[in-house]
């Protein structure tokens, strides 16, 4: 029976998924927690700085160590 050490390490990793929204008018970027239904090129809400429309430009996960 083989035992893979990598599998044990992966069990301790947890990920947090983030969405990046970018304002189409002023270019400001906002990082927030991913919401179900997010997808790249989806129009988001209003920009917090200039009230322009935002577009989701990136969705990614950051891995954190589990406890």
N, C-alpha and C. Protein backbone atom coordinates (compact mmCIF):
# COMPACT_ATOMS: atom_id res chain seq x y z
N UNK A 1 0.85 -1.18 0.00
CA UNK A 1 0.00 0.00 0.00
C UNK A 1 0.89 1.24 0.00
N UNK A 2 0.68 2.16 -0.97
CA UNK A 2 1.53 3.34 -1.03
C UNK A 2 0.86 4.50 -0.30
N UNK A 3 1.70 5.35 0.24
CA UNK A 3 1.21 6.50 0.99
C UNK A 3 1.88 7.73 0.40
N UNK A 4 1.11 8.68 -0.06
CA UNK A 4 1.66 9.88 -0.68
C UNK A 4 1.67 11.02 0.33
N UNK A 5 2.85 11.55 0.62
CA UNK A 5 2.99 12.64 1.60
C UNK A 5 2.28 13.90 1.12
N UNK A 6 2.23 14.12 -0.18
CA UNK A 6 1.59 15.31 -0.72
C UNK A 6 0.11 15.36 -0.33
N UNK A 7 -0.56 14.21 -0.34
CA UNK A 7 -1.97 14.18 0.03
C UNK A 7 -2.18 14.68 1.46
N UNK A 8 -1.28 14.33 2.37
CA UNK A 8 -1.39 14.79 3.75
C UNK A 8 -1.22 16.30 3.84
N UNK A 9 -0.31 16.88 3.07
CA UNK A 9 -0.10 18.33 3.09
C UNK A 9 -1.32 19.05 2.52
N UNK A 10 -1.91 18.54 1.46
CA UNK A 10 -3.04 19.19 0.83
C UNK A 10 -4.26 19.21 1.75
N UNK A 11 -4.39 18.22 2.63
CA UNK A 11 -5.52 18.19 3.56
C UNK A 11 -5.48 19.36 4.52
N UNK A 12 -4.28 19.86 4.84
CA UNK A 12 -4.13 20.97 5.77
C UNK A 12 -4.33 22.33 5.11
N UNK A 13 -4.42 22.39 3.80
CA UNK A 13 -4.57 23.65 3.09
C UNK A 13 -6.04 23.99 2.92
N UNK A 14 -6.37 25.22 3.17
CA UNK A 14 -7.70 25.75 2.93
C UNK A 14 -7.53 26.93 1.98
N UNK A 15 -8.54 27.20 1.22
CA UNK A 15 -8.45 28.34 0.31
C UNK A 15 -9.58 29.32 0.57
N UNK A 16 -9.28 30.57 0.30
CA UNK A 16 -10.28 31.63 0.32
C UNK A 16 -10.31 32.16 -1.10
N UNK A 17 -11.49 32.22 -1.69
CA UNK A 17 -11.63 32.67 -3.07
C UNK A 17 -12.01 34.15 -3.06
N UNK A 18 -11.29 34.93 -3.86
CA UNK A 18 -11.50 36.37 -3.96
C UNK A 18 -11.92 36.75 -5.37
N UNK A 19 -12.64 37.85 -5.46
CA UNK A 19 -13.05 38.46 -6.72
C UNK A 19 -12.44 39.84 -6.79
N UNK A 20 -11.87 40.19 -7.94
CA UNK A 20 -11.35 41.54 -8.18
C UNK A 20 -12.31 42.25 -9.13
N UNK A 21 -12.82 43.39 -8.69
CA UNK A 21 -13.67 44.23 -9.52
C UNK A 21 -12.87 45.48 -9.89
N UNK A 22 -12.95 45.87 -11.14
CA UNK A 22 -12.21 47.05 -11.61
C UNK A 22 -13.19 48.05 -12.22
N UNK A 23 -13.04 49.32 -11.81
CA UNK A 23 -13.90 50.37 -12.32
C UNK A 23 -13.52 50.67 -13.77
N UNK A 24 -14.52 50.74 -14.63
CA UNK A 24 -14.28 51.01 -16.04
C UNK A 24 -14.01 52.48 -16.32
N UNK A 25 -14.31 53.34 -15.33
CA UNK A 25 -14.13 54.78 -15.52
C UNK A 25 -12.80 55.27 -14.92
N UNK A 26 -12.56 54.97 -13.66
CA UNK A 26 -11.35 55.52 -13.00
C UNK A 26 -10.26 54.47 -12.81
N UNK A 27 -10.55 53.19 -13.02
CA UNK A 27 -9.53 52.14 -12.94
C UNK A 27 -9.24 51.59 -11.55
N UNK A 28 -9.94 52.08 -10.53
CA UNK A 28 -9.69 51.58 -9.18
C UNK A 28 -10.10 50.11 -9.09
N UNK A 29 -9.30 49.32 -8.35
CA UNK A 29 -9.58 47.90 -8.18
C UNK A 29 -10.02 47.63 -6.75
N UNK A 30 -10.97 46.73 -6.61
CA UNK A 30 -11.49 46.36 -5.29
C UNK A 30 -11.44 44.84 -5.15
N UNK A 31 -10.84 44.37 -4.06
CA UNK A 31 -10.76 42.94 -3.77
C UNK A 31 -11.84 42.61 -2.74
N UNK A 32 -12.62 41.58 -3.04
CA UNK A 32 -13.66 41.16 -2.09
C UNK A 32 -13.79 39.64 -2.11
N UNK A 33 -14.48 39.11 -1.13
CA UNK A 33 -14.74 37.67 -1.07
C UNK A 33 -15.66 37.29 -2.24
N UNK A 34 -15.35 36.16 -2.86
CA UNK A 34 -16.15 35.62 -3.97
C UNK A 34 -17.57 35.36 -3.52
N UNK A 35 -18.51 35.69 -4.39
CA UNK A 35 -19.93 35.38 -4.16
C UNK A 35 -20.38 34.41 -5.25
N UNK A 36 -21.25 33.47 -4.89
CA UNK A 36 -21.80 32.55 -5.87
C UNK A 36 -22.46 33.37 -6.98
N UNK A 37 -22.15 33.04 -8.21
CA UNK A 37 -22.69 33.78 -9.35
C UNK A 37 -21.67 34.72 -9.99
N UNK A 38 -20.54 34.96 -9.29
CA UNK A 38 -19.48 35.78 -9.88
C UNK A 38 -18.84 35.06 -11.05
N UNK A 39 -18.48 35.81 -12.08
CA UNK A 39 -17.70 35.27 -13.19
C UNK A 39 -16.95 36.42 -13.84
N UNK A 40 -15.84 36.10 -14.51
CA UNK A 40 -15.01 37.11 -15.14
C UNK A 40 -15.81 37.77 -16.27
N UNK A 41 -15.69 39.09 -16.36
CA UNK A 41 -16.38 39.97 -17.31
C UNK A 41 -17.83 40.24 -16.94
N UNK A 42 -18.25 39.84 -15.75
CA UNK A 42 -19.59 40.19 -15.27
C UNK A 42 -19.53 41.63 -14.76
N UNK A 43 -20.56 42.40 -15.06
CA UNK A 43 -20.62 43.75 -14.53
C UNK A 43 -20.98 43.68 -13.05
N UNK A 44 -20.26 44.45 -12.26
CA UNK A 44 -20.48 44.46 -10.81
C UNK A 44 -21.35 45.65 -10.42
N UNK A 45 -21.07 46.17 -9.26
CA UNK A 45 -21.84 47.30 -8.74
C UNK A 45 -21.23 48.62 -9.15
N UNK A 46 -21.46 49.61 -8.32
CA UNK A 46 -20.93 50.95 -8.55
C UNK A 46 -19.58 51.09 -7.86
N UNK A 47 -18.69 51.85 -8.50
CA UNK A 47 -17.38 52.14 -7.92
C UNK A 47 -17.56 52.96 -6.65
N UNK A 48 -16.79 52.63 -5.63
CA UNK A 48 -16.89 53.37 -4.37
C UNK A 48 -16.31 54.77 -4.48
N UNK A 49 -15.41 54.98 -5.44
CA UNK A 49 -14.75 56.28 -5.57
C UNK A 49 -15.50 57.23 -6.51
N UNK A 50 -15.84 56.76 -7.72
CA UNK A 50 -16.42 57.67 -8.72
C UNK A 50 -17.85 57.32 -9.12
N UNK A 51 -18.38 56.23 -8.60
CA UNK A 51 -19.73 55.75 -8.90
C UNK A 51 -19.87 55.20 -10.32
N UNK A 52 -18.74 54.97 -11.02
CA UNK A 52 -18.78 54.33 -12.33
C UNK A 52 -19.09 52.85 -12.19
N UNK A 53 -19.30 52.17 -13.32
CA UNK A 53 -19.62 50.75 -13.26
C UNK A 53 -18.34 49.92 -13.16
N UNK A 54 -18.43 48.81 -12.43
CA UNK A 54 -17.27 47.93 -12.26
C UNK A 54 -17.47 46.65 -13.07
N UNK A 55 -16.35 46.02 -13.36
CA UNK A 55 -16.33 44.78 -14.12
C UNK A 55 -15.44 43.80 -13.38
N UNK A 56 -15.89 42.56 -13.22
CA UNK A 56 -15.06 41.54 -12.58
C UNK A 56 -13.95 41.16 -13.56
N UNK A 57 -12.70 41.34 -13.14
CA UNK A 57 -11.56 41.07 -14.02
C UNK A 57 -10.75 39.86 -13.60
N UNK A 58 -10.96 39.38 -12.36
CA UNK A 58 -10.16 38.25 -11.88
C UNK A 58 -10.88 37.55 -10.73
N UNK A 59 -10.76 36.23 -10.70
CA UNK A 59 -11.22 35.41 -9.58
C UNK A 59 -10.09 34.44 -9.28
N UNK A 60 -9.67 34.38 -8.01
CA UNK A 60 -8.55 33.52 -7.65
C UNK A 60 -8.66 33.07 -6.21
N UNK A 61 -7.88 32.04 -5.87
CA UNK A 61 -7.87 31.52 -4.50
C UNK A 61 -6.52 31.78 -3.86
N UNK A 62 -6.55 32.10 -2.58
CA UNK A 62 -5.33 32.20 -1.77
C UNK A 62 -5.38 31.07 -0.77
N UNK A 63 -4.31 30.33 -0.67
CA UNK A 63 -4.27 29.19 0.24
C UNK A 63 -3.75 29.62 1.60
N UNK A 64 -4.40 29.14 2.63
CA UNK A 64 -4.00 29.40 4.02
C UNK A 64 -3.83 28.06 4.71
N UNK A 65 -2.97 28.02 5.71
CA UNK A 65 -2.76 26.79 6.46
C UNK A 65 -3.95 26.53 7.37
N UNK A 66 -4.43 25.30 7.38
CA UNK A 66 -5.53 24.92 8.25
C UNK A 66 -5.01 24.64 9.66
N UNK A 67 -5.92 24.60 10.58
CA UNK A 67 -5.52 24.32 11.97
C UNK A 67 -5.99 22.97 12.40
